Amino acid sequence: MQRPIHSAILLPTEAAPTLREVKLALLSFDRVHLPNPDDREVIPRVAFGGVFTPGFPAFMDSGPVAPLPKRAGFDDAFDRLRVELRPALTDNSLVIDAT
């Protein structure tokens, strides 16, 4: 009988996850998921559009839905994290989810 895979997701915040946070999660779980760093919306536009009644004007686009603010240097910190954790990404123990 195959053992179930226990996984976790590190929820997005304004700062990139630290190497320590990810390593601790990797020690505790079989697989760790990180949200795509390019995803800057708290609520996906597709999910947000489904709450309106039919007939809501589709041309009313007000930009990103609840944009998630990021600290300065977020992208650089996330890129350094990818480099440091390349073995876990290759092993599929760490997964960066698509948006």
N, C-alpha and C. Protein backbone atom coordinates (compact mmCIF):
# COMPACT_ATOMS: atom_id res chain seq x y z
N MET A 1 0.84 -1.18 0.00
CA MET A 1 0.00 0.00 0.00
C MET A 1 0.89 1.25 0.00
N GLN A 2 0.55 2.17 -0.87
CA GLN A 2 1.35 3.38 -1.00
C GLN A 2 1.01 4.39 0.09
N ARG A 3 2.02 5.00 0.64
CA ARG A 3 1.86 5.99 1.69
C ARG A 3 1.36 7.30 1.09
N PRO A 4 0.39 7.98 1.74
CA PRO A 4 -0.11 9.25 1.20
C PRO A 4 0.96 10.34 1.27
N ILE A 5 0.88 11.27 0.36
CA ILE A 5 1.81 12.39 0.33
C ILE A 5 1.21 13.51 1.18
N HIS A 6 1.96 13.97 2.15
CA HIS A 6 1.54 15.08 3.00
C HIS A 6 2.17 16.35 2.45
N SER A 7 1.32 17.31 2.12
CA SER A 7 1.84 18.53 1.52
C SER A 7 1.34 19.76 2.26
N ALA A 8 2.02 20.86 2.03
CA ALA A 8 1.68 22.13 2.65
C ALA A 8 1.85 23.23 1.62
N ILE A 9 1.19 24.35 1.87
CA ILE A 9 1.37 25.53 1.05
C ILE A 9 1.78 26.68 1.95
N LEU A 10 2.80 27.40 1.53
CA LEU A 10 3.20 28.60 2.25
C LEU A 10 2.45 29.76 1.62
N LEU A 11 1.54 30.33 2.37
CA LEU A 11 0.68 31.37 1.84
C LEU A 11 1.45 32.64 1.52
N PRO A 12 1.01 33.35 0.49
CA PRO A 12 1.73 34.56 0.08
C PRO A 12 1.55 35.69 1.10
N THR A 13 2.60 36.46 1.27
CA THR A 13 2.56 37.67 2.08
C THR A 13 3.26 38.76 1.28
N GLU A 14 3.50 39.88 1.92
CA GLU A 14 4.18 40.97 1.21
C GLU A 14 5.67 40.69 1.04
N ALA A 15 6.20 39.70 1.76
CA ALA A 15 7.62 39.35 1.67
C ALA A 15 7.76 37.93 1.12
N ALA A 16 8.86 37.70 0.42
CA ALA A 16 9.14 36.35 -0.07
C ALA A 16 9.42 35.44 1.13
N PRO A 17 9.07 34.15 1.03
CA PRO A 17 9.39 33.25 2.15
C PRO A 17 10.89 33.18 2.35
N THR A 18 11.31 32.98 3.57
CA THR A 18 12.74 32.89 3.85
C THR A 18 13.21 31.46 3.60
N LEU A 19 14.51 31.32 3.43
CA LEU A 19 15.10 30.00 3.24
C LEU A 19 14.80 29.12 4.45
N ARG A 20 14.87 29.69 5.62
CA ARG A 20 14.59 28.94 6.85
C ARG A 20 13.15 28.43 6.87
N GLU A 21 12.19 29.27 6.50
CA GLU A 21 10.78 28.87 6.50
C GLU A 21 10.53 27.71 5.54
N VAL A 22 11.12 27.80 4.36
CA VAL A 22 10.91 26.75 3.36
C VAL A 22 11.60 25.45 3.79
N LYS A 23 12.80 25.55 4.30
CA LYS A 23 13.51 24.34 4.75
C LYS A 23 12.77 23.65 5.89
N LEU A 24 12.23 24.43 6.81
CA LEU A 24 11.46 23.86 7.91
C LEU A 24 10.22 23.13 7.38
N ALA A 25 9.56 23.73 6.40
CA ALA A 25 8.40 23.08 5.80
C ALA A 25 8.80 21.80 5.06
N LEU A 26 9.95 21.84 4.38
CA LEU A 26 10.43 20.65 3.66
C LEU A 26 10.79 19.52 4.62
N LEU A 27 11.24 19.86 5.81
CA LEU A 27 11.52 18.82 6.81
C LEU A 27 10.24 18.22 7.38
N SER A 28 9.17 18.99 7.38
CA SER A 28 7.92 18.56 8.00
C SER A 28 6.95 17.89 7.04
N PHE A 29 7.05 18.18 5.74
CA PHE A 29 6.10 17.69 4.76
C PHE A 29 6.82 17.04 3.58
N ASP A 30 6.10 16.17 2.87
CA ASP A 30 6.67 15.51 1.70
C ASP A 30 6.81 16.49 0.52
N ARG A 31 5.87 17.39 0.42
CA ARG A 31 5.87 18.35 -0.69
C ARG A 31 5.40 19.70 -0.16
N VAL A 32 6.07 20.75 -0.61
CA VAL A 32 5.73 22.12 -0.21
C VAL A 32 5.41 22.92 -1.46
N HIS A 33 4.30 23.61 -1.43
CA HIS A 33 3.86 24.45 -2.56
C HIS A 33 4.07 25.91 -2.22
N LEU A 34 4.60 26.64 -3.18
CA LEU A 34 4.71 28.09 -3.08
C LEU A 34 3.87 28.71 -4.18
N PRO A 35 3.13 29.76 -3.87
CA PRO A 35 2.37 30.44 -4.93
C PRO A 35 3.33 31.09 -5.92
N ASN A 36 2.90 31.21 -7.14
CA ASN A 36 3.71 31.85 -8.17
C ASN A 36 3.99 33.30 -7.75
N PRO A 37 5.24 33.74 -7.77
CA PRO A 37 5.55 35.10 -7.34
C PRO A 37 4.98 36.17 -8.26
N ASP A 38 4.61 35.79 -9.47
CA ASP A 38 4.03 36.76 -10.40
C ASP A 38 2.54 36.97 -10.15
N ASP A 39 1.94 36.13 -9.32
CA ASP A 39 0.52 36.27 -9.01
C ASP A 39 0.38 37.35 -7.95
N ARG A 40 -0.12 38.49 -8.34
CA ARG A 40 -0.19 39.64 -7.42
C ARG A 40 -1.63 39.97 -7.01
N GLU A 41 -2.55 39.04 -7.22
CA GLU A 41 -3.95 39.29 -6.86
C GLU A 41 -4.37 38.36 -5.72
N VAL A 42 -5.00 38.91 -4.70
CA VAL A 42 -5.49 38.11 -3.59
C VAL A 42 -6.66 37.25 -4.05
N ILE A 43 -7.54 37.85 -4.86
CA ILE A 43 -8.70 37.15 -5.39
C ILE A 43 -8.52 37.02 -6.90
N PRO A 44 -8.47 35.79 -7.43
CA PRO A 44 -8.32 35.65 -8.88
C PRO A 44 -9.47 36.33 -9.62
N ARG A 45 -9.14 37.01 -10.70
CA ARG A 45 -10.14 37.75 -11.48
C ARG A 45 -11.29 36.83 -11.91
N VAL A 46 -11.00 35.58 -12.25
CA VAL A 46 -12.04 34.64 -12.69
C VAL A 46 -13.03 34.39 -11.56
N ALA A 47 -12.53 34.19 -10.35
CA ALA A 47 -13.41 33.94 -9.21
C ALA A 47 -14.22 35.18 -8.86
N PHE A 48 -13.62 36.34 -8.99
CA PHE A 48 -14.31 37.58 -8.64
C PHE A 48 -15.46 37.86 -9.60
N GLY A 49 -15.25 37.59 -10.88
CA GLY A 49 -16.29 37.84 -11.89
C GLY A 49 -17.51 36.96 -11.70
N GLY A 50 -17.37 35.81 -11.07
CA GLY A 50 -18.48 34.89 -10.91
C GLY A 50 -19.50 35.32 -9.87
N VAL A 51 -19.20 36.33 -9.07
CA VAL A 51 -20.13 36.74 -8.03
C VAL A 51 -21.17 37.73 -8.52
N PHE A 52 -20.97 38.28 -9.69
CA PHE A 52 -21.93 39.26 -10.21
C PHE A 52 -23.06 38.57 -10.94
N THR A 53 -24.17 39.20 -10.95
CA THR A 53 -25.33 38.66 -11.65
C THR A 53 -25.16 38.79 -13.15
N PRO A 54 -25.85 37.96 -13.92
CA PRO A 54 -25.77 38.11 -15.38
C PRO A 54 -26.24 39.51 -15.77
N GLY A 55 -25.60 40.03 -16.77
CA GLY A 55 -25.94 41.37 -17.23
C GLY A 55 -24.99 42.42 -16.70
N PHE A 56 -24.10 42.03 -15.78
CA PHE A 56 -23.10 42.99 -15.31
C PHE A 56 -22.20 43.35 -16.48
N PRO A 57 -22.00 44.60 -16.72
CA PRO A 57 -21.21 45.01 -17.90
C PRO A 57 -19.81 44.43 -17.89
N ALA A 58 -19.51 43.61 -18.88
CA ALA A 58 -18.20 42.96 -18.96
C ALA A 58 -17.10 43.96 -19.30
N PHE A 59 -17.46 45.11 -19.85
CA PHE A 59 -16.45 46.08 -20.24
C PHE A 59 -15.91 46.87 -19.05
N MET A 60 -16.53 46.70 -17.88
CA MET A 60 -16.09 47.44 -16.70
C MET A 60 -14.89 46.72 -16.07
N ASP A 61 -13.71 47.03 -16.52
CA ASP A 61 -12.50 46.43 -15.98
C ASP A 61 -11.78 47.49 -15.16
N SER A 62 -11.71 47.26 -13.86
CA SER A 62 -11.10 48.26 -12.99
C SER A 62 -9.67 47.86 -12.59
N GLY A 63 -9.07 46.93 -13.29
CA GLY A 63 -7.70 46.51 -12.99
C GLY A 63 -7.66 45.30 -12.08
N PRO A 64 -6.53 45.06 -11.43
CA PRO A 64 -6.39 43.89 -10.57
C PRO A 64 -7.39 43.90 -9.42
N VAL A 65 -7.84 42.72 -9.06
CA VAL A 65 -8.78 42.57 -7.95
C VAL A 65 -7.96 42.40 -6.68
N ALA A 66 -8.11 43.32 -5.76
CA ALA A 66 -7.41 43.28 -4.47
C ALA A 66 -5.93 42.93 -4.65
N PRO A 67 -5.15 43.81 -5.26
CA PRO A 67 -3.72 43.51 -5.47
C PRO A 67 -3.00 43.30 -4.15
N LEU A 68 -2.15 42.29 -4.13
CA LEU A 68 -1.37 41.96 -2.95
C LEU A 68 -0.07 42.76 -3.01
N PRO A 69 0.13 43.68 -2.05
CA PRO A 69 1.35 44.48 -2.10
C PRO A 69 2.58 43.63 -1.80
N LYS A 70 3.67 43.98 -2.43
CA LYS A 70 4.95 43.27 -2.21
C LYS A 70 5.99 44.28 -1.76
N ARG A 71 6.86 43.85 -0.87
CA ARG A 71 7.95 44.70 -0.42
C ARG A 71 8.97 44.90 -1.54
N ALA A 72 9.71 45.98 -1.43
CA ALA A 72 10.79 46.22 -2.38
C ALA A 72 11.78 45.06 -2.28
N GLY A 73 12.23 44.56 -3.40
CA GLY A 73 13.18 43.45 -3.41
C GLY A 73 12.54 42.07 -3.34
N PHE A 74 11.20 42.00 -3.40
CA PHE A 74 10.51 40.71 -3.32
C PHE A 74 10.97 39.77 -4.43
N ASP A 75 10.99 40.27 -5.67
CA ASP A 75 11.34 39.40 -6.80
C ASP A 75 12.78 38.89 -6.70
N ASP A 76 13.70 39.75 -6.27
CA ASP A 76 15.09 39.32 -6.13
C ASP A 76 15.23 38.26 -5.03
N ALA A 77 14.52 38.45 -3.92
CA ALA A 77 14.57 37.48 -2.82
C ALA A 77 14.00 36.14 -3.26
N PHE A 78 12.91 36.17 -4.04
CA PHE A 78 12.32 34.92 -4.50
C PHE A 78 13.24 34.22 -5.49
N ASP A 79 13.91 34.98 -6.35
CA ASP A 79 14.86 34.38 -7.30
C ASP A 79 16.04 33.73 -6.56
N ARG A 80 16.54 34.37 -5.50
CA ARG A 80 17.62 33.77 -4.70
C ARG A 80 17.14 32.48 -4.04
N LEU A 81 15.88 32.48 -3.60
CA LEU A 81 15.30 31.29 -2.99
C LEU A 81 15.26 30.13 -3.99
N ARG A 82 14.88 30.43 -5.22
CA ARG A 82 14.85 29.39 -6.27
C ARG A 82 16.23 28.79 -6.50
N VAL A 83 17.24 29.63 -6.51
CA VAL A 83 18.61 29.15 -6.73
C VAL A 83 19.04 28.27 -5.56
N GLU A 84 18.81 28.74 -4.34
CA GLU A 84 19.21 27.98 -3.15
C GLU A 84 18.50 26.63 -3.06
N LEU A 85 17.26 26.59 -3.51
CA LEU A 85 16.45 25.38 -3.35
C LEU A 85 16.28 24.59 -4.65
N ARG A 86 17.17 24.79 -5.58
CA ARG A 86 17.10 24.08 -6.86
C ARG A 86 16.99 22.57 -6.70
N PRO A 87 17.76 21.94 -5.77
CA PRO A 87 17.61 20.48 -5.61
C PRO A 87 16.19 20.06 -5.20
N ALA A 88 15.56 20.83 -4.34
CA ALA A 88 14.18 20.50 -3.93
C ALA A 88 13.21 20.70 -5.08
N LEU A 89 13.44 21.71 -5.91
CA LEU A 89 12.59 21.93 -7.09
C LEU A 89 12.76 20.78 -8.09
N THR A 90 14.00 20.35 -8.30
CA THR A 90 14.28 19.25 -9.22
C THR A 90 13.66 17.95 -8.72
N ASP A 91 13.72 17.75 -7.41
CA ASP A 91 13.18 16.54 -6.78
C ASP A 91 11.65 16.56 -6.67
N ASN A 92 11.05 17.70 -7.00
CA ASN A 92 9.60 17.89 -6.91
C ASN A 92 9.10 17.90 -5.46
N SER A 93 10.01 18.13 -4.52
CA SER A 93 9.60 18.29 -3.12
C SER A 93 9.09 19.71 -2.89
N LEU A 94 9.59 20.62 -3.71
CA LEU A 94 9.15 22.02 -3.68
C LEU A 94 8.52 22.33 -5.03
N VAL A 95 7.32 22.85 -5.00
CA VAL A 95 6.58 23.14 -6.23
C VAL A 95 6.17 24.60 -6.23
N ILE A 96 6.48 25.30 -7.30
CA ILE A 96 5.99 26.67 -7.47
C ILE A 96 4.77 26.57 -8.37
N ASP A 97 3.61 26.83 -7.79
CA ASP A 97 2.35 26.64 -8.51
C ASP A 97 2.16 27.68 -9.60
N ALA A 98 1.54 27.26 -10.68
CA ALA A 98 1.20 28.18 -11.77
C ALA A 98 0.00 29.01 -11.36
N THR A 99 -0.11 30.16 -11.98
CA THR A 99 -1.27 31.01 -11.68
C THR A 99 -2.47 30.60 -12.48
